[in-house]
C-alpha cells in the first residue's frame, strides 16, 4: 500500500530531524575529547534518515572530523548499501560510506 504524499512528507521530516539530532549528538561527543578504544576508534551514532535507526559506528576521531568538514554524513553500511554511496573507511566488518 502506497503512502499518501502528506504521510511521506511527514516521514521525510522525521528522518531529517533524526539525522540532525544524531549529527548534533555526535558532534558534541567528538568535541568533548572522547577516549578511543584500543584500536583508536570512538563509537558514534549512524547519521541516516531512518528514524528507527539506532546503529552505532566505530570510527577514528580524525576521520569523523574530516567527515564533518566535508559536510558528509556518518553512515553505517548495511541498510545504506546503495549505488550512490561509496566506502571511504573499512574497519573489520564496519564500513564508513559517503555519498558519491
PDB file of N, CA and C in Angstrom:
ATOM      1  N   UNK A   1       0.838  -1.175   0.000  1.00  0.00           N
ATOM      2  CA  UNK A   1       0.000   0.000   0.000  1.00  0.00           C
ATOM      3  C   UNK A   1       0.887   1.244   0.000  1.00  0.00           C
ATOM      4  N   UNK A   2       0.673   2.132  -0.917  1.00  0.00           N
ATOM      5  CA  UNK A   2       1.478   3.345  -1.062  1.00  0.00           C
ATOM      6  C   UNK A   2       1.081   4.378  -0.022  1.00  0.00           C
ATOM      7  N   UNK A   3       2.080   5.170   0.394  1.00  0.00           N
ATOM      8  CA  UNK A   3       1.807   6.247   1.340  1.00  0.00           C
ATOM      9  C   UNK A   3       1.261   7.444   0.602  1.00  0.00           C
ATOM     10  N   UNK A   4       0.429   8.208   1.299  1.00  0.00           N
ATOM     11  CA  UNK A   4      -0.056   9.453   0.722  1.00  0.00           C
ATOM     12  C   UNK A   4       1.084  10.461   0.716  1.00  0.00           C
ATOM     13  N   UNK A   5       1.021  11.468  -0.157  1.00  0.00           N
ATOM     14  CA  UNK A   5       2.087  12.483  -0.186  1.00  0.00           C
ATOM     15  C   UNK A   5       2.275  13.172   1.166  1.00  0.00           C
ATOM     16  N   UNK A   6       1.188  13.384   1.898  1.00  0.00           N
ATOM     17  CA  UNK A   6       1.294  14.050   3.200  1.00  0.00           C
ATOM     18  C   UNK A   6       2.047  13.173   4.203  1.00  0.00           C
ATOM     19  N   UNK A   7       1.725  11.869   4.236  1.00  0.00           N
ATOM     20  CA  UNK A   7       2.415  11.000   5.190  1.00  0.00           C
ATOM     21  C   UNK A   7       3.863  10.781   4.775  1.00  0.00           C
ATOM     22  N   UNK A   8       4.133  10.762   3.468  1.00  0.00           N
ATOM     23  CA  UNK A   8       5.511  10.636   3.002  1.00  0.00           C
ATOM     24  C   UNK A   8       6.318  11.866   3.410  1.00  0.00           C
ATOM     25  N   UNK A   9       5.735  13.048   3.295  1.00  0.00           N
ATOM     26  CA  UNK A   9       6.413  14.280   3.707  1.00  0.00           C
ATOM     27  C   UNK A   9       6.682  14.262   5.203  1.00  0.00           C
ATOM     28  N   UNK A  10       5.714  13.805   5.993  1.00  0.00           N
ATOM     29  CA  UNK A  10       5.912  13.718   7.443  1.00  0.00           C
ATOM     30  C   UNK A  10       7.033  12.739   7.775  1.00  0.00           C
ATOM     31  N   UNK A  11       7.073  11.603   7.077  1.00  0.00           N
ATOM     32  CA  UNK A  11       8.124  10.617   7.289  1.00  0.00           C
ATOM     33  C   UNK A  11       9.485  11.194   6.910  1.00  0.00           C
ATOM     34  N   UNK A  12       9.548  11.906   5.812  1.00  0.00           N
ATOM     35  CA  UNK A  12      10.797  12.548   5.393  1.00  0.00           C
ATOM     36  C   UNK A  12      11.267  13.547   6.446  1.00  0.00           C
ATOM     37  N   UNK A  13      10.343  14.331   6.978  1.00  0.00           N
ATOM     38  CA  UNK A  13      10.693  15.323   8.002  1.00  0.00           C
ATOM     39  C   UNK A  13      11.204  14.647   9.273  1.00  0.00           C
ATOM     40  N   UNK A  14      10.574  13.529   9.671  1.00  0.00           N
ATOM     41  CA  UNK A  14      11.039  12.782  10.842  1.00  0.00           C
ATOM     42  C   UNK A  14      12.464  12.285  10.618  1.00  0.00           C
ATOM     43  N   UNK A  15      12.720  11.791   9.413  1.00  0.00           N
ATOM     44  CA  UNK A  15      14.055  11.301   9.085  1.00  0.00           C
ATOM     45  C   UNK A  15      15.096  12.399   9.133  1.00  0.00           C
ATOM     46  N   UNK A  16      14.759  13.545   8.598  1.00  0.00           N
ATOM     47  CA  UNK A  16      15.688  14.682   8.622  1.00  0.00           C
ATOM     48  C   UNK A  16      15.935  15.132  10.059  1.00  0.00           C
ATOM     49  N   UNK A  17      14.873  15.179  10.863  1.00  0.00           N
ATOM     50  CA  UNK A  17      15.026  15.557  12.274  1.00  0.00           C
ATOM     51  C   UNK A  17      15.921  14.562  13.007  1.00  0.00           C
ATOM     52  N   UNK A  18      15.743  13.282  12.687  1.00  0.00           N
ATOM     53  CA  UNK A  18      16.577  12.240  13.294  1.00  0.00           C
ATOM     54  C   UNK A  18      18.043  12.446  12.915  1.00  0.00           C
ATOM     55  N   UNK A  19      18.295  12.717  11.636  1.00  0.00           N
ATOM     56  CA  UNK A  19      19.667  12.937  11.173  1.00  0.00           C
ATOM     57  C   UNK A  19      20.292  14.140  11.882  1.00  0.00           C
ATOM     58  N   UNK A  20      19.549  15.215  11.992  1.00  0.00           N
ATOM     59  CA  UNK A  20      20.053  16.427  12.649  1.00  0.00           C
ATOM     60  C   UNK A  20      20.386  16.139  14.114  1.00  0.00           C
ATOM     61  N   UNK A  21      19.513  15.401  14.787  1.00  0.00           N
ATOM     62  CA  UNK A  21      19.751  15.069  16.201  1.00  0.00           C
ATOM     63  C   UNK A  21      20.977  14.173  16.359  1.00  0.00           C
ATOM     64  N   UNK A  22      21.122  13.183  15.475  1.00  0.00           N
ATOM     65  CA  UNK A  22      22.278  12.297  15.551  1.00  0.00           C
ATOM     66  C   UNK A  22      23.565  13.069  15.278  1.00  0.00           C
ATOM     67  N   UNK A  23      23.543  13.960  14.283  1.00  0.00           N
ATOM     68  CA  UNK A  23      24.729  14.764  13.972  1.00  0.00           C
ATOM     69  C   UNK A  23      25.110  15.637  15.160  1.00  0.00           C
ATOM     70  N   UNK A  24      24.118  16.267  15.790  1.00  0.00           N
ATOM     71  CA  UNK A  24      24.397  17.135  16.946  1.00  0.00           C
ATOM     72  C   UNK A  24      24.992  16.330  18.100  1.00  0.00           C
ATOM     73  N   UNK A  25      24.444  15.157  18.360  1.00  0.00           N
ATOM     74  CA  UNK A  25      24.964  14.316  19.445  1.00  0.00           C
ATOM     75  C   UNK A  25      26.388  13.850  19.138  1.00  0.00           C
ATOM     76  N   UNK A  26      26.630  13.450  17.892  1.00  0.00           N
ATOM     77  CA  UNK A  26      27.975  13.017  17.503  1.00  0.00           C
ATOM     78  C   UNK A  26      28.977  14.162  17.588  1.00  0.00           C
ATOM     79  N   UNK A  27      28.575  15.331  17.115  1.00  0.00           N
ATOM     80  CA  UNK A  27      29.465  16.492  17.152  1.00  0.00           C
ATOM     81  C   UNK A  27      29.830  16.835  18.604  1.00  0.00           C
ATOM     82  N   UNK A  28      28.827  16.785  19.486  1.00  0.00           N
ATOM     83  CA  UNK A  28      29.069  17.076  20.905  1.00  0.00           C
ATOM     84  C   UNK A  28      30.040  16.060  21.494  1.00  0.00           C
ATOM     85  N   UNK A  29      29.832  14.790  21.186  1.00  0.00           N
ATOM     86  CA  UNK A  29      30.725  13.756  21.691  1.00  0.00           C
ATOM     87  C   UNK A  29      32.129  13.929  21.122  1.00  0.00           C
ATOM     88  N   UNK A  30      32.230  14.192  19.834  1.00  0.00           N
ATOM     89  CA  UNK A  30      33.534  14.321  19.178  1.00  0.00           C
ATOM     90  C   UNK A  30      34.333  15.502  19.712  1.00  0.00           C
ATOM     91  N   UNK A  31      33.661  16.565  20.103  1.00  0.00           N
ATOM     92  CA  UNK A  31      34.363  17.747  20.617  1.00  0.00           C
ATOM     93  C   UNK A  31      34.601  17.684  22.120  1.00  0.00           C
ATOM     94  N   UNK A  32      34.094  16.630  22.779  1.00  0.00           N
ATOM     95  CA  UNK A  32      34.282  16.507  24.225  1.00  0.00           C
ATOM     96  C   UNK A  32      35.530  15.701  24.569  1.00  0.00           C
ATOM     97  N   UNK A  33      36.399  15.491  23.586  1.00  0.00           N
ATOM     98  CA  UNK A  33      37.646  14.764  23.771  1.00  0.00           C
ATOM     99  C   UNK A  33      37.394  13.339  24.270  1.00  0.00           C
ATOM    100  N   UNK A  34      36.674  12.532  23.489  1.00  0.00           N
ATOM    101  CA  UNK A  34      36.338  11.177  23.923  1.00  0.00           C
ATOM    102  C   UNK A  34      37.571  10.275  23.971  1.00  0.00           C
ATOM    103  N   UNK A  35      37.503   9.277  24.818  1.00  0.00           N
ATOM    104  CA  UNK A  35      38.609   8.318  24.930  1.00  0.00           C
ATOM    105  C   UNK A  35      38.382   7.201  23.919  1.00  0.00           C
ATOM    106  N   UNK A  36      39.305   7.043  22.965  1.00  0.00           N
ATOM    107  CA  UNK A  36      39.154   5.978  21.966  1.00  0.00           C
ATOM    108  C   UNK A  36      39.413   4.601  22.577  1.00  0.00           C
ATOM    109  N   UNK A  37      38.927   3.552  21.903  1.00  0.00           N
ATOM    110  CA  UNK A  37      39.166   2.188  22.371  1.00  0.00           C
ATOM    111  C   UNK A  37      40.590   1.767  22.000  1.00  0.00           C
ATOM    112  N   UNK A  38      40.911   0.507  22.203  1.00  0.00           N
ATOM    113  CA  UNK A  38      42.272   0.007  21.959  1.00  0.00           C
ATOM    114  C   UNK A  38      42.716   0.168  20.507  1.00  0.00           C
ATOM    115  N   UNK A  39      41.766   0.166  19.568  1.00  0.00           N
ATOM    116  CA  UNK A  39      42.111   0.353  18.158  1.00  0.00           C
ATOM    117  C   UNK A  39      42.109   1.819  17.746  1.00  0.00           C
ATOM    118  N   UNK A  40      41.865   2.741  18.674  1.00  0.00           N
ATOM    119  CA  UNK A  40      41.843   4.166  18.352  1.00  0.00           C
ATOM    120  C   UNK A  40      40.520   4.639  17.773  1.00  0.00           C
ATOM    121  N   UNK A  41      39.444   3.894  18.018  1.00  0.00           N
ATOM    122  CA  UNK A  41      38.135   4.223  17.462  1.00  0.00           C
ATOM    123  C   UNK A  41      37.197   4.760  18.536  1.00  0.00           C
ATOM    124  N   UNK A  42      36.321   5.657  18.137  1.00  0.00           N
ATOM    125  CA  UNK A  42      35.255   6.131  19.019  1.00  0.00           C
ATOM    126  C   UNK A  42      33.923   5.656  18.435  1.00  0.00           C
ATOM    127  N   UNK A  43      32.955   5.449  19.293  1.00  0.00           N
ATOM    128  CA  UNK A  43      31.661   4.947  18.863  1.00  0.00           C
ATOM    129  C   UNK A  43      30.683   6.104  18.718  1.00  0.00           C
ATOM    130  N   UNK A  44      30.150   6.268  17.510  1.00  0.00           N
ATOM    131  CA  UNK A  44      29.221   7.348  17.199  1.00  0.00           C
ATOM    132  C   UNK A  44      27.955   6.761  16.592  1.00  0.00           C
ATOM    133  N   UNK A  45      26.894   7.539  16.592  1.00  0.00           N
ATOM    134  CA  UNK A  45      25.617   7.088  16.041  1.00  0.00           C
ATOM    135  C   UNK A  45      25.594   7.252  14.528  1.00  0.00           C
ATOM    136  N   UNK A  46      24.929   6.326  13.865  1.00  0.00           N
ATOM    137  CA  UNK A  46      24.703   6.424  12.421  1.00  0.00           C
ATOM    138  C   UNK A  46      23.873   7.679  12.155  1.00  0.00           C
ATOM    139  N   UNK A  47      24.256   8.450  11.152  1.00  0.00           N
ATOM    140  CA  UNK A  47      23.579   9.712  10.832  1.00  0.00           C
ATOM    141  C   UNK A  47      22.682   9.564   9.607  1.00  0.00           C
ATOM    142  N   UNK A  48      21.875   8.521   9.597  1.00  0.00           N
ATOM    143  CA  UNK A  48      20.981   8.303   8.466  1.00  0.00           C
ATOM    144  C   UNK A  48      19.633   8.982   8.720  1.00  0.00           C
ATOM    145  N   UNK A  49      18.746   8.850   7.765  1.00  0.00           N
ATOM    146  CA  UNK A  49      17.421   9.464   7.888  1.00  0.00           C
ATOM    147  C   UNK A  49      16.348   8.454   8.297  1.00  0.00           C
ATOM    148  N   UNK A  50      16.757   7.275   8.691  1.00  0.00           N
ATOM    149  CA  UNK A  50      15.785   6.296   9.197  1.00  0.00           C
ATOM    150  C   UNK A  50      15.551   6.579  10.666  1.00  0.00           C
ATOM    151  N   UNK A  51      14.382   7.070  11.000  1.00  0.00           N
ATOM    152  CA  UNK A  51      14.108   7.480  12.377  1.00  0.00           C
ATOM    153  C   UNK A  51      14.146   6.324  13.361  1.00  0.00           C
ATOM    154  N   UNK A  52      14.065   5.085  12.881  1.00  0.00           N
ATOM    155  CA  UNK A  52      14.142   3.933  13.778  1.00  0.00           C
ATOM    156  C   UNK A  52      15.564   3.364  13.877  1.00  0.00           C
ATOM    157  N   UNK A  53      16.526   3.999  13.249  1.00  0.00           N
ATOM    158  CA  UNK A  53      17.901   3.504  13.248  1.00  0.00           C
ATOM    159  C   UNK A  53      18.594   3.844  14.566  1.00  0.00           C
ATOM    160  N   UNK A  54      19.161   2.828  15.200  1.00  0.00           N
ATOM    161  CA  UNK A  54      19.921   3.043  16.423  1.00  0.00           C
ATOM    162  C   UNK A  54      21.307   2.401  16.316  1.00  0.00           C
ATOM    163  N   UNK A  55      21.780   2.258  15.088  1.00  0.00           N
ATOM    164  CA  UNK A  55      23.078   1.626  14.860  1.00  0.00           C
ATOM    165  C   UNK A  55      24.214   2.555  15.261  1.00  0.00           C
ATOM    166  N   UNK A  56      25.300   1.944  15.697  1.00  0.00           N
ATOM    167  CA  UNK A  56      26.493   2.684  16.083  1.00  0.00           C
ATOM    168  C   UNK A  56      27.617   2.366  15.115  1.00  0.00           C
ATOM    169  N   UNK A  57      28.502   3.331  14.926  1.00  0.00           N
ATOM    170  CA  UNK A  57      29.629   3.195  14.012  1.00  0.00           C
ATOM    171  C   UNK A  57      30.889   3.519  14.791  1.00  0.00           C
ATOM    172  N   UNK A  58      31.872   2.625  14.725  1.00  0.00           N
ATOM    173  CA  UNK A  58      33.176   2.906  15.336  1.00  0.00           C
ATOM    174  C   UNK A  58      34.060   3.498  14.260  1.00  0.00           C
ATOM    175  N   UNK A  59      34.646   4.647  14.561  1.00  0.00           N
ATOM    176  CA  UNK A  59      35.404   5.382  13.561  1.00  0.00           C
ATOM    177  C   UNK A  59      36.558   6.124  14.241  1.00  0.00           C
ATOM    178  N   UNK A  60      37.693   6.266  13.557  1.00  0.00           N
ATOM    179  CA  UNK A  60      38.753   7.122  14.096  1.00  0.00           C
ATOM    180  C   UNK A  60      38.241   8.563  14.200  1.00  0.00           C
ATOM    181  N   UNK A  61      38.556   9.231  15.274  1.00  0.00           N
ATOM    182  CA  UNK A  61      38.057  10.585  15.506  1.00  0.00           C
ATOM    183  C   UNK A  61      38.480  11.548  14.397  1.00  0.00           C
ATOM    184  N   UNK A  62      39.707  11.411  13.894  1.00  0.00           N
ATOM    185  CA  UNK A  62      40.149  12.322  12.832  1.00  0.00           C
ATOM    186  C   UNK A  62      39.357  12.098  11.541  1.00  0.00           C
ATOM    187  N   UNK A  63      38.921  10.871  11.285  1.00  0.00           N
ATOM    188  CA  UNK A  63      38.095  10.605  10.114  1.00  0.00           C
ATOM    189  C   UNK A  63      36.742  11.291  10.273  1.00  0.00           C
ATOM    190  N   UNK A  64      36.156  11.203  11.474  1.00  0.00           N
ATOM    191  CA  UNK A  64      34.864  11.856  11.690  1.00  0.00           C
ATOM    192  C   UNK A  64      34.998  13.369  11.555  1.00  0.00           C
ATOM    193  N   UNK A  65      36.096  13.921  12.018  1.00  0.00           N
ATOM    194  CA  UNK A  65      36.333  15.357  11.874  1.00  0.00           C
ATOM    195  C   UNK A  65      36.367  15.747  10.405  1.00  0.00           C
ATOM    196  N   UNK A  66      37.019  14.925   9.583  1.00  0.00           N
ATOM    197  CA  UNK A  66      37.053  15.195   8.134  1.00  0.00           C
ATOM    198  C   UNK A  66      35.667  15.057   7.512  1.00  0.00           C
ATOM    199  N   UNK A  67      34.874  14.107   7.996  1.00  0.00           N
ATOM    200  CA  UNK A  67      33.503  13.947   7.505  1.00  0.00           C
ATOM    201  C   UNK A  67      32.699  15.204   7.806  1.00  0.00           C
ATOM    202  N   UNK A  68      32.858  15.740   9.017  1.00  0.00           N
ATOM    203  CA  UNK A  68      32.162  16.976   9.389  1.00  0.00           C
ATOM    204  C   UNK A  68      32.588  18.131   8.489  1.00  0.00           C
ATOM    205  N   UNK A  69      33.895  18.270   8.281  1.00  0.00           N
ATOM    206  CA  UNK A  69      34.412  19.366   7.464  1.00  0.00           C
ATOM    207  C   UNK A  69      33.920  19.281   6.022  1.00  0.00           C
ATOM    208  N   UNK A  70      33.751  18.062   5.520  1.00  0.00           N
ATOM    209  CA  UNK A  70      33.300  17.870   4.149  1.00  0.00           C
ATOM    210  C   UNK A  70      31.773  17.912   4.037  1.00  0.00           C
ATOM    211  N   UNK A  71      31.096  18.067   5.160  1.00  0.00           N
ATOM    212  CA  UNK A  71      29.636  18.102   5.220  1.00  0.00           C
ATOM    213  C   UNK A  71      29.008  16.826   4.657  1.00  0.00           C
ATOM    214  N   UNK A  72      29.638  15.682   4.993  1.00  0.00           N
ATOM    215  CA  UNK A  72      29.088  14.374   4.659  1.00  0.00           C
ATOM    216  C   UNK A  72      28.461  13.819   5.929  1.00  0.00           C
ATOM    217  N   UNK A  73      27.832  12.667   5.823  1.00  0.00           N
ATOM    218  CA  UNK A  73      27.206  12.043   6.980  1.00  0.00           C
ATOM    219  C   UNK A  73      27.867  10.733   7.297  1.00  0.00           C
ATOM    220  N   UNK A  74      27.941  10.418   8.578  1.00  0.00           N
ATOM    221  CA  UNK A  74      28.489   9.160   9.054  1.00  0.00           C
ATOM    222  C   UNK A  74      27.379   8.118   8.969  1.00  0.00           C
ATOM    223  N   UNK A  75      27.559   7.129   8.114  1.00  0.00           N
ATOM    224  CA  UNK A  75      26.530   6.129   7.886  1.00  0.00           C
ATOM    225  C   UNK A  75      27.077   4.747   8.141  1.00  0.00           C
ATOM    226  N   UNK A  76      26.250   3.907   8.723  1.00  0.00           N
ATOM    227  CA  UNK A  76      26.642   2.524   8.898  1.00  0.00           C
ATOM    228  C   UNK A  76      26.195   1.740   7.689  1.00  0.00           C
ATOM    229  N   UNK A  77      27.101   0.985   7.121  1.00  0.00           N
ATOM    230  CA  UNK A  77      26.767   0.193   5.935  1.00  0.00           C
ATOM    231  C   UNK A  77      25.724  -0.852   6.298  1.00  0.00           C
ATOM    232  N   UNK A  78      25.163  -1.458   5.318  1.00  0.00           N
ATOM    233  CA  UNK A  78      24.139  -2.463   5.556  1.00  0.00           C
ATOM    234  C   UNK A  78      22.831  -1.946   5.027  1.00  0.00           C
ATOM    235  N   UNK A  79      22.161  -1.113   5.800  1.00  0.00           N
ATOM    236  CA  UNK A  79      20.914  -0.553   5.299  1.00  0.00           C
ATOM    237  C   UNK A  79      21.153   0.708   4.481  1.00  0.00           C
ATOM    238  N   UNK A  80      22.417   0.996   4.173  1.00  0.00           N
ATOM    239  CA  UNK A  80      22.763   2.147   3.340  1.00  0.00           C
ATOM    240  C   UNK A  80      23.546   1.723   2.108  1.00  0.00           C
ATOM    241  N   UNK A  81      23.531   0.445   1.783  1.00  0.00           N
ATOM    242  CA  UNK A  81      24.350  -0.065   0.680  1.00  0.00           C
ATOM    243  C   UNK A  81      23.684   0.213  -0.662  1.00  0.00           C
ATOM    244  N   UNK A  82      23.707   1.457  -1.070  1.00  0.00           N
ATOM    245  CA  UNK A  82      23.132   1.873  -2.335  1.00  0.00           C
ATOM    246  C   UNK A  82      24.247   2.348  -3.259  1.00  0.00           C
ATOM    247  N   UNK A  83      23.982   2.369  -4.523  1.00  0.00           N
ATOM    248  CA  UNK A  83      24.990   2.767  -5.507  1.00  0.00           C
ATOM    249  C   UNK A  83      25.475   4.192  -5.290  1.00  0.00           C
ATOM    250  N   UNK A  84      24.666   5.055  -4.705  1.00  0.00           N
ATOM    251  CA  UNK A  84      25.081   6.450  -4.564  1.00  0.00           C
ATOM    252  C   UNK A  84      26.037   6.669  -3.385  1.00  0.00           C
ATOM    253  N   UNK A  85      26.401   5.608  -2.666  1.00  0.00           N
ATOM    254  CA  UNK A  85      27.372   5.707  -1.579  1.00  0.00           C
ATOM    255  C   UNK A  85      28.624   4.946  -1.960  1.00  0.00           C
ATOM    256  N   UNK A  86      29.748   5.396  -1.436  1.00  0.00           N
ATOM    257  CA  UNK A  86      30.984   4.644  -1.643  1.00  0.00           C
ATOM    258  C   UNK A  86      31.694   4.536  -0.307  1.00  0.00           C
ATOM    259  N   UNK A  87      32.398   3.452  -0.098  1.00  0.00           N
ATOM    260  CA  UNK A  87      33.108   3.212   1.157  1.00  0.00           C
ATOM    261  C   UNK A  87      34.343   4.098   1.212  1.00  0.00           C
ATOM    262  N   UNK A  88      34.519   4.798   2.327  1.00  0.00           N
ATOM    263  CA  UNK A  88      35.720   5.610   2.495  1.00  0.00           C
ATOM    264  C   UNK A  88      36.648   5.032   3.558  1.00  0.00           C
ATOM    265  N   UNK A  89      36.111   4.283   4.507  1.00  0.00           N
ATOM    266  CA  UNK A  89      36.917   3.644   5.542  1.00  0.00           C
ATOM    267  C   UNK A  89      36.304   2.286   5.826  1.00  0.00           C
ATOM    268  N   UNK A  90      37.127   1.278   5.953  1.00  0.00           N
ATOM    269  CA  UNK A  90      36.643  -0.049   6.309  1.00  0.00           C
ATOM    270  C   UNK A  90      37.472  -0.537   7.489  1.00  0.00           C
ATOM    271  N   UNK A  91      36.803  -0.855   8.611  1.00  0.00           N
ATOM    272  CA  UNK A  91      37.475  -1.338   9.810  1.00  0.00           C
ATOM    273  C   UNK A  91      36.785  -2.641  10.193  1.00  0.00           C
ATOM    274  N   UNK A  92      37.459  -3.771  10.004  1.00  0.00           N
ATOM    275  CA  UNK A  92      36.839  -5.055  10.289  1.00  0.00           C
ATOM    276  C   UNK A  92      35.596  -5.234   9.426  1.00  0.00           C
ATOM    277  N   UNK A  93      34.475  -5.508  10.068  1.00  0.00           N
ATOM    278  CA  UNK A  93      33.220  -5.672   9.335  1.00  0.00           C
ATOM    279  C   UNK A  93      32.488  -4.349   9.149  1.00  0.00           C
ATOM    280  N   UNK A  94      33.000  -3.276   9.697  1.00  0.00           N
ATOM    281  CA  UNK A  94      32.354  -1.971   9.647  1.00  0.00           C
ATOM    282  C   UNK A  94      32.898  -1.172   8.473  1.00  0.00           C
ATOM    283  N   UNK A  95      31.989  -0.555   7.717  1.00  0.00           N
ATOM    284  CA  UNK A  95      32.386   0.327   6.623  1.00  0.00           C
ATOM    285  C   UNK A  95      31.775   1.691   6.867  1.00  0.00           C
ATOM    286  N   UNK A  96      32.535   2.719   6.569  1.00  0.00           N
ATOM    287  CA  UNK A  96      32.017   4.081   6.612  1.00  0.00           C
ATOM    288  C   UNK A  96      31.902   4.538   5.185  1.00  0.00           C
ATOM    289  N   UNK A  97      30.729   5.005   4.815  1.00  0.00           N
ATOM    290  CA  UNK A  97      30.459   5.346   3.434  1.00  0.00           C
ATOM    291  C   UNK A  97      30.113   6.822   3.307  1.00  0.00           C
ATOM    292  N   UNK A  98      30.314   7.354   2.125  1.00  0.00           N
ATOM    293  CA  UNK A  98      29.902   8.712   1.830  1.00  0.00           C
ATOM    294  C   UNK A  98      29.138   8.714   0.524  1.00  0.00           C
ATOM    295  N   UNK A  99      28.338   9.736   0.351  1.00  0.00           N
ATOM    296  CA  UNK A  99      27.566   9.849  -0.875  1.00  0.00           C
ATOM    297  C   UNK A  99      28.521  10.143  -2.021  1.00  0.00           C
ATOM    298  N   UNK A 100      28.426   9.360  -3.085  1.00  0.00           N
ATOM    299  CA  UNK A 100      29.335   9.523  -4.222  1.00  0.00           C
ATOM    300  C   UNK A 100      28.860  10.657  -5.119  1.00  0.00           C
TER     301      UNK A 100
END
